[in-house]
Amino acid sequence: MMKKAVFLFVVFSFAAGICGMTCVVAAQEEGDAAVREISGAVSFVDPQGGKLIIVSADDEGEKEAVVAVDSSSTIEKDGKAAGLTDVSIGDDAAVSYKTDHNGRNVVVSLSATTQQ
């Protein structure tokens, strides 16, 4: 009887742990799926490293977003398909990005306009 009780306790604990881990992973994936947006000026661009920094200013002050570009990112400049090498410091940019499981902000889409 005691062995059966211990066995049931272990099985129940294992099942509860798996269920709890599944819930945590699902919640994390939902959080990662949120698309954020920032618009502002490009203050730094590193085409080889696949990174850029966008600075925006609003009533709450200046905000900065460091974002990474990967193979799934869509980039356009002045209304035409482009690459990160076409984006320049000072360009106006509108960026949609997601935070991946490593905590990196990855560009979904980037639309840059040459600053006149």
N, C-alpha and C. Protein backbone atom coordinates (compact mmCIF):
# COMPACT_ATOMS: atom_id res chain seq x y z
N MET A 1 0.82 -1.19 0.00
CA MET A 1 0.00 0.00 0.00
C MET A 1 0.87 1.26 0.00
N MET A 2 1.93 1.24 0.80
CA MET A 2 2.81 2.41 0.89
C MET A 2 3.53 2.64 -0.45
N LYS A 3 3.95 1.56 -1.11
CA LYS A 3 4.63 1.70 -2.40
C LYS A 3 3.70 2.32 -3.42
N LYS A 4 2.44 1.91 -3.40
CA LYS A 4 1.47 2.45 -4.34
C LYS A 4 1.25 3.95 -4.09
N ALA A 5 1.18 4.34 -2.84
CA ALA A 5 0.99 5.75 -2.49
C ALA A 5 2.20 6.58 -2.95
N VAL A 6 3.40 6.07 -2.73
CA VAL A 6 4.61 6.77 -3.17
C VAL A 6 4.64 6.86 -4.68
N PHE A 7 4.30 5.76 -5.34
CA PHE A 7 4.28 5.74 -6.80
C PHE A 7 3.29 6.78 -7.34
N LEU A 8 2.09 6.81 -6.79
CA LEU A 8 1.09 7.78 -7.23
C LEU A 8 1.54 9.21 -6.96
N PHE A 9 2.18 9.44 -5.83
CA PHE A 9 2.71 10.77 -5.52
C PHE A 9 3.75 11.20 -6.56
N VAL A 10 4.67 10.31 -6.90
CA VAL A 10 5.72 10.62 -7.88
C VAL A 10 5.10 10.90 -9.25
N VAL A 11 4.16 10.05 -9.66
CA VAL A 11 3.50 10.24 -10.97
C VAL A 11 2.75 11.56 -10.99
N PHE A 12 1.99 11.85 -9.93
CA PHE A 12 1.24 13.09 -9.86
C PHE A 12 2.18 14.30 -9.90
N SER A 13 3.26 14.25 -9.14
CA SER A 13 4.23 15.36 -9.11
C SER A 13 4.85 15.57 -10.48
N PHE A 14 5.21 14.50 -11.14
CA PHE A 14 5.80 14.59 -12.48
C PHE A 14 4.80 15.22 -13.45
N ALA A 15 3.56 14.74 -13.43
CA ALA A 15 2.53 15.28 -14.32
C ALA A 15 2.28 16.76 -14.04
N ALA A 16 2.21 17.12 -12.78
CA ALA A 16 1.99 18.52 -12.42
C ALA A 16 3.16 19.39 -12.87
N GLY A 17 4.37 18.88 -12.75
CA GLY A 17 5.55 19.62 -13.19
C GLY A 17 5.55 19.84 -14.69
N ILE A 18 5.21 18.81 -15.45
CA ILE A 18 5.13 18.93 -16.91
C ILE A 18 4.07 19.94 -17.30
N CYS A 19 2.91 19.85 -16.68
CA CYS A 19 1.82 20.79 -16.97
C CYS A 19 2.25 22.22 -16.64
N GLY A 20 2.90 22.40 -15.51
CA GLY A 20 3.36 23.73 -15.12
C GLY A 20 4.39 24.28 -16.09
N MET A 21 5.31 23.44 -16.54
CA MET A 21 6.32 23.88 -17.51
C MET A 21 5.66 24.26 -18.82
N THR A 22 4.67 23.50 -19.25
CA THR A 22 3.96 23.80 -20.49
C THR A 22 3.28 25.15 -20.40
N CYS A 23 2.65 25.43 -19.27
CA CYS A 23 1.98 26.72 -19.08
C CYS A 23 2.97 27.87 -19.11
N VAL A 24 4.13 27.71 -18.50
CA VAL A 24 5.15 28.75 -18.49
C VAL A 24 5.67 28.99 -19.90
N VAL A 25 5.96 27.92 -20.65
CA VAL A 25 6.46 28.06 -22.02
C VAL A 25 5.42 28.74 -22.89
N ALA A 26 4.15 28.34 -22.76
CA ALA A 26 3.09 28.95 -23.56
C ALA A 26 2.98 30.45 -23.24
N ALA A 27 3.06 30.81 -21.97
CA ALA A 27 2.99 32.22 -21.59
C ALA A 27 4.18 32.99 -22.14
N GLN A 28 5.36 32.37 -22.11
CA GLN A 28 6.55 33.03 -22.63
C GLN A 28 6.43 33.24 -24.13
N GLU A 29 5.92 32.23 -24.85
CA GLU A 29 5.76 32.36 -26.29
C GLU A 29 4.76 33.44 -26.63
N GLU A 30 3.69 33.56 -25.86
CA GLU A 30 2.72 34.62 -26.09
C GLU A 30 3.36 35.98 -25.87
N GLY A 31 4.19 36.11 -24.84
CA GLY A 31 4.87 37.38 -24.58
C GLY A 31 5.85 37.72 -25.68
N ASP A 32 6.55 36.70 -26.20
CA ASP A 32 7.52 36.93 -27.26
C ASP A 32 6.85 37.32 -28.56
N ALA A 33 5.59 36.92 -28.75
CA ALA A 33 4.91 37.16 -30.01
C ALA A 33 4.46 38.61 -30.16
N ALA A 34 4.50 39.39 -29.09
CA ALA A 34 4.05 40.77 -29.15
C ALA A 34 4.95 41.60 -30.06
N VAL A 35 4.33 42.25 -31.03
CA VAL A 35 5.07 43.12 -31.94
C VAL A 35 5.07 44.52 -31.37
N ARG A 36 6.25 45.09 -31.26
CA ARG A 36 6.39 46.47 -30.77
C ARG A 36 6.80 47.35 -31.94
N GLU A 37 6.58 48.63 -31.78
CA GLU A 37 6.93 49.56 -32.85
C GLU A 37 7.66 50.76 -32.27
N ILE A 38 8.57 51.27 -33.07
CA ILE A 38 9.26 52.52 -32.72
C ILE A 38 9.52 53.27 -34.02
N SER A 39 9.38 54.57 -33.96
CA SER A 39 9.70 55.44 -35.09
C SER A 39 10.65 56.51 -34.60
N GLY A 40 11.62 56.82 -35.43
CA GLY A 40 12.59 57.83 -35.05
C GLY A 40 13.73 57.88 -36.03
N ALA A 41 14.86 58.36 -35.55
CA ALA A 41 16.05 58.51 -36.39
C ALA A 41 17.02 57.36 -36.14
N VAL A 42 17.67 56.91 -37.19
CA VAL A 42 18.71 55.89 -37.07
C VAL A 42 19.94 56.59 -36.50
N SER A 43 20.42 56.12 -35.33
CA SER A 43 21.60 56.75 -34.73
C SER A 43 22.84 55.87 -34.86
N PHE A 44 22.65 54.60 -35.23
CA PHE A 44 23.77 53.67 -35.39
C PHE A 44 23.32 52.55 -36.31
N VAL A 45 24.20 52.14 -37.21
CA VAL A 45 23.89 51.01 -38.07
C VAL A 45 25.17 50.19 -38.28
N ASP A 46 25.05 48.87 -38.12
CA ASP A 46 26.16 47.95 -38.30
C ASP A 46 25.70 46.82 -39.23
N PRO A 47 25.85 47.01 -40.54
CA PRO A 47 25.38 45.99 -41.49
C PRO A 47 26.06 44.63 -41.29
N GLN A 48 27.34 44.60 -40.96
CA GLN A 48 28.02 43.32 -40.76
C GLN A 48 27.51 42.60 -39.52
N GLY A 49 27.22 43.35 -38.47
CA GLY A 49 26.71 42.76 -37.23
C GLY A 49 25.21 42.60 -37.23
N GLY A 50 24.55 43.18 -38.23
CA GLY A 50 23.10 43.07 -38.33
C GLY A 50 22.35 43.80 -37.24
N LYS A 51 22.87 44.96 -36.81
CA LYS A 51 22.22 45.72 -35.73
C LYS A 51 22.06 47.18 -36.10
N LEU A 52 21.07 47.82 -35.49
CA LEU A 52 20.93 49.26 -35.61
C LEU A 52 20.24 49.79 -34.37
N ILE A 53 20.36 51.09 -34.17
CA ILE A 53 19.74 51.76 -33.04
C ILE A 53 18.82 52.85 -33.58
N ILE A 54 17.60 52.86 -33.07
CA ILE A 54 16.61 53.87 -33.43
C ILE A 54 16.36 54.72 -32.19
N VAL A 55 16.38 56.04 -32.36
CA VAL A 55 16.12 56.96 -31.26
C VAL A 55 14.86 57.75 -31.60
N SER A 56 13.92 57.75 -30.65
CA SER A 56 12.69 58.52 -30.83
C SER A 56 12.51 59.45 -29.64
N ALA A 57 11.82 60.54 -29.88
CA ALA A 57 11.55 61.49 -28.81
C ALA A 57 10.04 61.73 -28.75
N ASP A 58 9.51 61.76 -27.53
CA ASP A 58 8.10 62.10 -27.33
C ASP A 58 7.96 62.90 -26.04
N ASP A 59 6.75 63.06 -25.57
CA ASP A 59 6.50 63.84 -24.36
C ASP A 59 7.19 63.27 -23.14
N GLU A 60 7.45 61.95 -23.15
CA GLU A 60 8.09 61.29 -22.01
C GLU A 60 9.61 61.33 -22.10
N GLY A 61 10.14 61.89 -23.15
CA GLY A 61 11.59 61.98 -23.31
C GLY A 61 12.08 61.15 -24.48
N GLU A 62 13.38 60.95 -24.50
CA GLU A 62 14.01 60.22 -25.59
C GLU A 62 14.05 58.73 -25.28
N LYS A 63 13.72 57.92 -26.28
CA LYS A 63 13.77 56.47 -26.14
C LYS A 63 14.70 55.91 -27.21
N GLU A 64 15.33 54.81 -26.86
CA GLU A 64 16.29 54.19 -27.77
C GLU A 64 15.97 52.70 -27.87
N ALA A 65 15.98 52.16 -29.07
CA ALA A 65 15.77 50.72 -29.26
C ALA A 65 16.93 50.16 -30.06
N VAL A 66 17.58 49.15 -29.51
CA VAL A 66 18.62 48.41 -30.23
C VAL A 66 17.92 47.21 -30.84
N VAL A 67 17.99 47.09 -32.16
CA VAL A 67 17.31 46.00 -32.85
C VAL A 67 18.28 45.25 -33.75
N ALA A 68 17.99 43.98 -33.94
CA ALA A 68 18.81 43.12 -34.80
C ALA A 68 18.01 42.76 -36.04
N VAL A 69 18.72 42.60 -37.14
CA VAL A 69 18.11 42.20 -38.40
C VAL A 69 18.54 40.77 -38.68
N ASP A 70 17.57 39.93 -39.08
CA ASP A 70 17.91 38.56 -39.47
C ASP A 70 17.32 38.27 -40.85
N SER A 71 17.41 37.03 -41.29
CA SER A 71 16.98 36.68 -42.64
C SER A 71 15.47 36.82 -42.84
N SER A 72 14.69 36.87 -41.75
CA SER A 72 13.24 37.02 -41.89
C SER A 72 12.80 38.49 -41.86
N SER A 73 13.73 39.41 -41.60
CA SER A 73 13.40 40.83 -41.54
C SER A 73 13.15 41.39 -42.94
N THR A 74 12.16 42.28 -43.03
CA THR A 74 11.86 42.97 -44.29
C THR A 74 12.33 44.42 -44.16
N ILE A 75 13.13 44.86 -45.13
CA ILE A 75 13.67 46.23 -45.09
C ILE A 75 13.33 46.93 -46.39
N GLU A 76 12.89 48.18 -46.25
CA GLU A 76 12.71 49.02 -47.43
C GLU A 76 13.26 50.41 -47.14
N LYS A 77 13.73 51.05 -48.19
CA LYS A 77 14.23 52.42 -48.06
C LYS A 77 13.65 53.24 -49.18
N ASP A 78 13.07 54.36 -48.82
CA ASP A 78 12.43 55.26 -49.77
C ASP A 78 11.43 54.51 -50.65
N GLY A 79 10.69 53.58 -50.05
CA GLY A 79 9.64 52.86 -50.74
C GLY A 79 10.08 51.69 -51.59
N LYS A 80 11.37 51.35 -51.57
CA LYS A 80 11.89 50.25 -52.38
C LYS A 80 12.54 49.20 -51.48
N ALA A 81 12.50 47.94 -51.92
CA ALA A 81 13.17 46.87 -51.18
C ALA A 81 14.64 47.23 -51.01
N ALA A 82 15.18 46.95 -49.84
CA ALA A 82 16.56 47.34 -49.54
C ALA A 82 17.17 46.35 -48.57
N GLY A 83 18.43 46.59 -48.28
CA GLY A 83 19.15 45.81 -47.27
C GLY A 83 19.64 46.75 -46.19
N LEU A 84 20.20 46.19 -45.14
CA LEU A 84 20.69 47.01 -44.04
C LEU A 84 21.83 47.92 -44.49
N THR A 85 22.57 47.53 -45.52
CA THR A 85 23.66 48.37 -46.04
C THR A 85 23.13 49.66 -46.66
N ASP A 86 21.84 49.69 -47.01
CA ASP A 86 21.24 50.89 -47.60
C ASP A 86 20.76 51.89 -46.56
N VAL A 87 20.65 51.47 -45.31
CA VAL A 87 20.17 52.32 -44.23
C VAL A 87 21.34 53.14 -43.69
N SER A 88 21.11 54.43 -43.49
CA SER A 88 22.18 55.34 -43.05
C SER A 88 21.83 56.04 -41.75
N ILE A 89 22.86 56.44 -41.02
CA ILE A 89 22.66 57.24 -39.82
C ILE A 89 21.95 58.53 -40.23
N GLY A 90 20.92 58.89 -39.47
CA GLY A 90 20.14 60.09 -39.77
C GLY A 90 18.86 59.81 -40.52
N ASP A 91 18.74 58.62 -41.14
CA ASP A 91 17.50 58.28 -41.83
C ASP A 91 16.35 58.24 -40.83
N ASP A 92 15.16 58.63 -41.28
CA ASP A 92 13.95 58.43 -40.48
C ASP A 92 13.56 56.97 -40.67
N ALA A 93 13.12 56.32 -39.59
CA ALA A 93 12.77 54.91 -39.68
C ALA A 93 11.56 54.57 -38.83
N ALA A 94 10.76 53.66 -39.36
CA ALA A 94 9.64 53.06 -38.62
C ALA A 94 9.95 51.58 -38.55
N VAL A 95 10.02 51.06 -37.32
CA VAL A 95 10.44 49.67 -37.12
C VAL A 95 9.40 48.91 -36.30
N SER A 96 9.04 47.74 -36.80
CA SER A 96 8.24 46.78 -36.04
C SER A 96 9.19 45.66 -35.66
N TYR A 97 9.15 45.25 -34.38
CA TYR A 97 10.08 44.21 -33.94
C TYR A 97 9.46 43.33 -32.87
N LYS A 98 10.03 42.13 -32.72
CA LYS A 98 9.62 41.19 -31.69
C LYS A 98 10.83 40.85 -30.84
N THR A 99 10.59 40.49 -29.60
CA THR A 99 11.66 40.03 -28.73
C THR A 99 11.70 38.51 -28.83
N ASP A 100 12.87 37.96 -29.21
CA ASP A 100 12.99 36.51 -29.35
C ASP A 100 13.27 35.85 -28.01
N HIS A 101 13.40 34.53 -28.02
CA HIS A 101 13.59 33.77 -26.78
C HIS A 101 14.93 34.06 -26.11
N ASN A 102 15.86 34.70 -26.83
CA ASN A 102 17.15 35.09 -26.25
C ASN A 102 17.14 36.52 -25.73
N GLY A 103 15.98 37.20 -25.86
CA GLY A 103 15.88 38.58 -25.39
C GLY A 103 16.31 39.61 -26.41
N ARG A 104 16.63 39.18 -27.63
CA ARG A 104 17.01 40.12 -28.68
C ARG A 104 15.77 40.72 -29.33
N ASN A 105 15.82 42.00 -29.63
CA ASN A 105 14.75 42.66 -30.38
C ASN A 105 15.05 42.45 -31.86
N VAL A 106 14.23 41.65 -32.54
CA VAL A 106 14.48 41.29 -33.93
C VAL A 106 13.48 42.01 -34.83
N VAL A 107 14.00 42.69 -35.85
CA VAL A 107 13.17 43.45 -36.78
C VAL A 107 12.25 42.52 -37.56
N VAL A 108 10.96 42.88 -37.55
CA VAL A 108 10.00 42.23 -38.43
C VAL A 108 9.99 43.02 -39.74
N SER A 109 9.80 44.34 -39.61
CA SER A 109 9.86 45.21 -40.79
C SER A 109 10.50 46.54 -40.43
N LEU A 110 11.23 47.07 -41.37
CA LEU A 110 11.93 48.36 -41.21
C LEU A 110 11.67 49.17 -42.47
N SER A 111 11.15 50.35 -42.29
CA SER A 111 10.92 51.26 -43.41
C SER A 111 11.70 52.53 -43.12
N ALA A 112 12.73 52.78 -43.93
CA ALA A 112 13.59 53.95 -43.75
C ALA A 112 13.36 54.96 -44.88
N THR A 113 13.52 56.23 -44.52
CA THR A 113 13.40 57.31 -45.48
C THR A 113 14.64 58.18 -45.36
N THR A 114 15.23 58.50 -46.50
CA THR A 114 16.40 59.37 -46.50
C THR A 114 16.06 60.72 -45.90
N GLN A 115 16.86 61.15 -44.94
CA GLN A 115 16.66 62.46 -44.32
C GLN A 115 17.12 63.53 -45.30
N GLN A 116 16.23 64.46 -45.58
CA GLN A 116 16.54 65.53 -46.55
C GLN A 116 17.35 66.63 -45.92
